[in-house]
Amino acid sequence: MKVYDCDNEEEFKAIEILQTEKDLIMNNKLQAFSPDSLQEAMNRGYKPL
Protein backbone atom coordinates (compact mmCIF):
# COMPACT_ATOMS: atom_id res chain seq x y z
CA MET A 1 0.00 0.00 0.00
CA LYS A 2 1.22 3.48 -0.83
CA VAL A 3 0.56 6.47 1.37
CA TYR A 4 -0.07 9.91 -0.03
CA ASP A 5 0.02 12.93 2.26
CA CYS A 6 -3.00 14.92 1.08
CA ASP A 7 -1.77 17.98 2.98
CA ASN A 8 1.11 18.04 0.50
CA GLU A 9 -0.12 19.72 -2.71
CA GLU A 10 2.20 17.71 -4.97
CA GLU A 11 1.15 14.36 -3.51
CA PHE A 12 -2.53 15.35 -3.52
CA LYS A 13 -2.26 16.19 -7.24
CA ALA A 14 -0.66 12.78 -7.85
CA ILE A 15 -3.58 10.96 -6.21
CA GLU A 16 -6.07 13.10 -8.15
CA ILE A 17 -4.39 12.06 -11.40
CA LEU A 18 -4.39 8.38 -10.40
CA GLN A 19 -8.07 8.58 -9.46
CA THR A 20 -8.94 10.12 -12.84
CA GLU A 21 -6.84 7.66 -14.87
CA LYS A 22 -7.63 4.43 -12.99
CA ASP A 23 -11.02 5.18 -11.38
CA LEU A 24 -9.69 4.04 -8.03
CA ILE A 25 -12.89 4.70 -6.09
CA MET A 26 -15.16 2.67 -8.37
CA ASN A 27 -12.61 -0.17 -8.39
CA ASN A 28 -12.38 -0.07 -4.58
CA LYS A 29 -8.65 0.67 -4.72
CA LEU A 30 -8.59 3.87 -2.68
CA GLN A 31 -8.80 4.16 1.08
CA ALA A 32 -8.68 7.24 3.22
CA PHE A 33 -7.89 7.59 6.86
CA SER A 34 -6.71 10.40 9.01
CA PRO A 35 -3.73 9.82 11.22
CA ASP A 36 -2.44 13.09 12.54
CA SER A 37 0.84 12.82 10.70
CA LEU A 38 2.79 10.84 8.13
CA GLN A 39 4.89 9.52 11.03
CA GLU A 40 1.76 8.10 12.64
CA ALA A 41 0.81 6.42 9.36
CA MET A 42 4.28 4.87 9.18
CA ASN A 43 3.88 3.62 12.76
CA ARG A 44 0.72 1.86 11.58
CA GLY A 45 2.68 0.03 8.87
CA TYR A 46 2.00 2.27 5.88
CA LYS A 47 4.93 3.26 3.71
CA PRO A 48 5.42 6.68 2.10
CA LEU A 49 6.12 7.01 -1.59
PDB file of N, CA and C in Angstrom:
ATOM      1  N   MET A   1       0.844  -1.172   0.000  1.00  0.00           N
ATOM      2  CA  MET A   1       0.000   0.000   0.000  1.00  0.00           C
ATOM      3  C   MET A   1       0.888   1.234   0.000  1.00  0.00           C
ATOM      4  N   LYS A   2       0.507   2.213  -0.786  1.00  0.00           N
ATOM      5  CA  LYS A   2       1.222   3.480  -0.826  1.00  0.00           C
ATOM      6  C   LYS A   2       0.440   4.511  -0.030  1.00  0.00           C
ATOM      7  N   VAL A   3       1.166   5.399   0.594  1.00  0.00           N
ATOM      8  CA  VAL A   3       0.562   6.473   1.375  1.00  0.00           C
ATOM      9  C   VAL A   3       0.838   7.791   0.671  1.00  0.00           C
ATOM     10  N   TYR A   4      -0.199   8.568   0.520  1.00  0.00           N
ATOM     11  CA  TYR A   4      -0.068   9.910  -0.027  1.00  0.00           C
ATOM     12  C   TYR A   4      -0.480  10.887   1.056  1.00  0.00           C
ATOM     13  N   ASP A   5       0.327  11.892   1.293  1.00  0.00           N
ATOM     14  CA  ASP A   5       0.017  12.931   2.262  1.00  0.00           C
ATOM     15  C   ASP A   5      -0.804  13.998   1.552  1.00  0.00           C
ATOM     16  N   CYS A   6      -2.105  14.001   1.793  1.00  0.00           N
ATOM     17  CA  CYS A   6      -2.997  14.919   1.082  1.00  0.00           C
ATOM     18  C   CYS A   6      -2.865  16.358   1.544  1.00  0.00           C
ATOM     19  N   ASP A   7      -2.080  16.607   2.591  1.00  0.00           N
ATOM     20  CA  ASP A   7      -1.771  17.981   2.981  1.00  0.00           C
ATOM     21  C   ASP A   7      -0.640  18.541   2.125  1.00  0.00           C
ATOM     22  N   ASN A   8       0.035  17.650   1.402  1.00  0.00           N
ATOM     23  CA  ASN A   8       1.111  18.043   0.498  1.00  0.00           C
ATOM     24  C   ASN A   8       0.498  18.215  -0.894  1.00  0.00           C
ATOM     25  N   GLU A   9       0.542  19.435  -1.435  1.00  0.00           N
ATOM     26  CA  GLU A   9      -0.125  19.718  -2.710  1.00  0.00           C
ATOM     27  C   GLU A   9       0.355  18.816  -3.851  1.00  0.00           C
ATOM     28  N   GLU A  10       1.643  18.544  -3.896  1.00  0.00           N
ATOM     29  CA  GLU A  10       2.202  17.708  -4.970  1.00  0.00           C
ATOM     30  C   GLU A  10       1.684  16.271  -4.885  1.00  0.00           C
ATOM     31  N   GLU A  11       1.649  15.722  -3.679  1.00  0.00           N
ATOM     32  CA  GLU A  11       1.152  14.358  -3.506  1.00  0.00           C
ATOM     33  C   GLU A  11      -0.357  14.288  -3.721  1.00  0.00           C
ATOM     34  N   PHE A  12      -1.090  15.321  -3.304  1.00  0.00           N
ATOM     35  CA  PHE A  12      -2.528  15.349  -3.522  1.00  0.00           C
ATOM     36  C   PHE A  12      -2.830  15.371  -5.018  1.00  0.00           C
ATOM     37  N   LYS A  13      -2.082  16.142  -5.778  1.00  0.00           N
ATOM     38  CA  LYS A  13      -2.261  16.191  -7.235  1.00  0.00           C
ATOM     39  C   LYS A  13      -1.994  14.817  -7.852  1.00  0.00           C
ATOM     40  N   ALA A  14      -0.982  14.115  -7.331  1.00  0.00           N
ATOM     41  CA  ALA A  14      -0.661  12.782  -7.852  1.00  0.00           C
ATOM     42  C   ALA A  14      -1.826  11.815  -7.637  1.00  0.00           C
ATOM     43  N   ILE A  15      -2.463  11.851  -6.467  1.00  0.00           N
ATOM     44  CA  ILE A  15      -3.575  10.956  -6.206  1.00  0.00           C
ATOM     45  C   ILE A  15      -4.791  11.357  -7.031  1.00  0.00           C
ATOM     46  N   GLU A  16      -4.976  12.650  -7.278  1.00  0.00           N
ATOM     47  CA  GLU A  16      -6.070  13.098  -8.151  1.00  0.00           C
ATOM     48  C   GLU A  16      -5.897  12.549  -9.560  1.00  0.00           C
ATOM     49  N   ILE A  17      -4.676  12.584 -10.056  1.00  0.00           N
ATOM     50  CA  ILE A  17      -4.394  12.065 -11.400  1.00  0.00           C
ATOM     51  C   ILE A  17      -4.641  10.559 -11.449  1.00  0.00           C
ATOM     52  N   LEU A  18      -4.163   9.827 -10.444  1.00  0.00           N
ATOM     53  CA  LEU A  18      -4.393   8.385 -10.399  1.00  0.00           C
ATOM     54  C   LEU A  18      -5.887   8.069 -10.349  1.00  0.00           C
ATOM     55  N   GLN A  19      -6.632   8.809  -9.561  1.00  0.00           N
ATOM     56  CA  GLN A  19      -8.070   8.582  -9.460  1.00  0.00           C
ATOM     57  C   GLN A  19      -8.728   8.773 -10.825  1.00  0.00           C
ATOM     58  N   THR A  20      -8.351   9.827 -11.527  1.00  0.00           N
ATOM     59  CA  THR A  20      -8.936  10.115 -12.838  1.00  0.00           C
ATOM     60  C   THR A  20      -8.573   9.026 -13.849  1.00  0.00           C
ATOM     61  N   GLU A  21      -7.308   8.625 -13.873  1.00  0.00           N
ATOM     62  CA  GLU A  21      -6.843   7.656 -14.866  1.00  0.00           C
ATOM     63  C   GLU A  21      -7.318   6.232 -14.579  1.00  0.00           C
ATOM     64  N   LYS A  22      -7.367   5.836 -13.317  1.00  0.00           N
ATOM     65  CA  LYS A  22      -7.634   4.431 -12.985  1.00  0.00           C
ATOM     66  C   LYS A  22      -8.952   4.208 -12.261  1.00  0.00           C
ATOM     67  N   ASP A  23      -9.723   5.272 -12.056  1.00  0.00           N
ATOM     68  CA  ASP A  23     -11.021   5.179 -11.384  1.00  0.00           C
ATOM     69  C   ASP A  23     -10.910   4.352 -10.102  1.00  0.00           C
ATOM     70  N   LEU A  24     -10.017   4.780  -9.241  1.00  0.00           N
ATOM     71  CA  LEU A  24      -9.687   4.038  -8.030  1.00  0.00           C
ATOM     72  C   LEU A  24     -10.877   3.835  -7.100  1.00  0.00           C
ATOM     73  N   ILE A  25     -11.750   4.819  -6.994  1.00  0.00           N
ATOM     74  CA  ILE A  25     -12.886   4.702  -6.088  1.00  0.00           C
ATOM     75  C   ILE A  25     -13.851   3.625  -6.577  1.00  0.00           C
ATOM     76  N   MET A  26     -14.214   3.663  -7.833  1.00  0.00           N
ATOM     77  CA  MET A  26     -15.159   2.674  -8.367  1.00  0.00           C
ATOM     78  C   MET A  26     -14.580   1.259  -8.346  1.00  0.00           C
ATOM     79  N   ASN A  27     -13.269   1.140  -8.430  1.00  0.00           N
ATOM     80  CA  ASN A  27     -12.615  -0.165  -8.387  1.00  0.00           C
ATOM     81  C   ASN A  27     -12.204  -0.566  -6.973  1.00  0.00           C
ATOM     82  N   ASN A  28     -12.654   0.200  -5.995  1.00  0.00           N
ATOM     83  CA  ASN A  28     -12.383  -0.072  -4.576  1.00  0.00           C
ATOM     84  C   ASN A  28     -10.881  -0.203  -4.303  1.00  0.00           C
ATOM     85  N   LYS A  29     -10.113   0.698  -4.875  1.00  0.00           N
ATOM     86  CA  LYS A  29      -8.653   0.672  -4.723  1.00  0.00           C
ATOM     87  C   LYS A  29      -8.117   1.885  -3.973  1.00  0.00           C
ATOM     88  N   LEU A  30      -9.015   2.672  -3.382  1.00  0.00           N
ATOM     89  CA  LEU A  30      -8.594   3.873  -2.676  1.00  0.00           C
ATOM     90  C   LEU A  30      -9.191   3.864  -1.287  1.00  0.00           C
ATOM     91  N   GLN A  31      -8.348   4.056  -0.303  1.00  0.00           N
ATOM     92  CA  GLN A  31      -8.804   4.164   1.080  1.00  0.00           C
ATOM     93  C   GLN A  31      -8.311   5.481   1.645  1.00  0.00           C
ATOM     94  N   ALA A  32      -9.079   6.009   2.543  1.00  0.00           N
ATOM     95  CA  ALA A  32      -8.676   7.245   3.216  1.00  0.00           C
ATOM     96  C   ALA A  32      -8.785   7.043   4.719  1.00  0.00           C
ATOM     97  N   PHE A  33      -7.846   7.599   5.404  1.00  0.00           N
ATOM     98  CA  PHE A  33      -7.893   7.588   6.858  1.00  0.00           C
ATOM     99  C   PHE A  33      -7.177   8.844   7.326  1.00  0.00           C
ATOM    100  N   SER A  34      -7.268   9.122   8.580  1.00  0.00           N
ATOM    101  CA  SER A  34      -6.712  10.402   9.014  1.00  0.00           C
ATOM    102  C   SER A  34      -5.831  10.296  10.251  1.00  0.00           C
ATOM    103  N   PRO A  35      -4.671   9.672  10.113  1.00  0.00           N
ATOM    104  CA  PRO A  35      -3.735   9.820  11.223  1.00  0.00           C
ATOM    105  C   PRO A  35      -3.285  11.281  11.255  1.00  0.00           C
ATOM    106  N   ASP A  36      -2.826  11.696  12.386  1.00  0.00           N
ATOM    107  CA  ASP A  36      -2.438  13.095  12.538  1.00  0.00           C
ATOM    108  C   ASP A  36      -1.201  13.476  11.739  1.00  0.00           C
ATOM    109  N   SER A  37      -0.393  12.496  11.402  1.00  0.00           N
ATOM    110  CA  SER A  37       0.843  12.815  10.698  1.00  0.00           C
ATOM    111  C   SER A  37       1.289  11.629   9.844  1.00  0.00           C
ATOM    112  N   LEU A  38       2.211  11.905   8.929  1.00  0.00           N
ATOM    113  CA  LEU A  38       2.792  10.838   8.130  1.00  0.00           C
ATOM    114  C   LEU A  38       3.548   9.862   9.027  1.00  0.00           C
ATOM    115  N   GLN A  39       4.185  10.389  10.076  1.00  0.00           N
ATOM    116  CA  GLN A  39       4.895   9.524  11.030  1.00  0.00           C
ATOM    117  C   GLN A  39       3.930   8.532  11.684  1.00  0.00           C
ATOM    118  N   GLU A  40       2.749   8.991  12.044  1.00  0.00           N
ATOM    119  CA  GLU A  40       1.758   8.096  12.639  1.00  0.00           C
ATOM    120  C   GLU A  40       1.330   7.022  11.635  1.00  0.00           C
ATOM    121  N   ALA A  41       1.159   7.400  10.385  1.00  0.00           N
ATOM    122  CA  ALA A  41       0.811   6.420   9.356  1.00  0.00           C
ATOM    123  C   ALA A  41       1.916   5.366   9.238  1.00  0.00           C
ATOM    124  N   MET A  42       3.161   5.803   9.266  1.00  0.00           N
ATOM    125  CA  MET A  42       4.283   4.871   9.177  1.00  0.00           C
ATOM    126  C   MET A  42       4.299   3.944  10.391  1.00  0.00           C
ATOM    127  N   ASN A  43       3.952   4.465  11.569  1.00  0.00           N
ATOM    128  CA  ASN A  43       3.883   3.621  12.760  1.00  0.00           C
ATOM    129  C   ASN A  43       2.801   2.561  12.633  1.00  0.00           C
ATOM    130  N   ARG A  44       1.798   2.818  11.804  1.00  0.00           N
ATOM    131  CA  ARG A  44       0.720   1.856  11.576  1.00  0.00           C
ATOM    132  C   ARG A  44       1.056   0.872  10.451  1.00  0.00           C
ATOM    133  N   GLY A  45       2.246   0.986   9.880  1.00  0.00           N
ATOM    134  CA  GLY A  45       2.676   0.033   8.873  1.00  0.00           C
ATOM    135  C   GLY A  45       2.552   0.504   7.446  1.00  0.00           C
ATOM    136  N   TYR A  46       2.099   1.738   7.235  1.00  0.00           N
ATOM    137  CA  TYR A  46       2.003   2.275   5.883  1.00  0.00           C
ATOM    138  C   TYR A  46       3.346   2.858   5.483  1.00  0.00           C
ATOM    139  N   LYS A  47       3.634   2.779   4.198  1.00  0.00           N
ATOM    140  CA  LYS A  47       4.930   3.261   3.713  1.00  0.00           C
ATOM    141  C   LYS A  47       4.737   4.455   2.795  1.00  0.00           C
ATOM    142  N   PRO A  48       5.522   5.522   2.989  1.00  0.00           N
ATOM    143  CA  PRO A  48       5.415   6.683   2.105  1.00  0.00           C
ATOM    144  C   PRO A  48       5.959   6.361   0.728  1.00  0.00           C
ATOM    145  N   LEU A  49       5.627   7.191  -0.224  1.00  0.00           N
ATOM    146  CA  LEU A  49       6.116   7.014  -1.593  1.00  0.00           C
ATOM    147  C   LEU A  49       7.609   7.076  -1.638  1.00  0.00           C
TER     148      LEU A  49
END
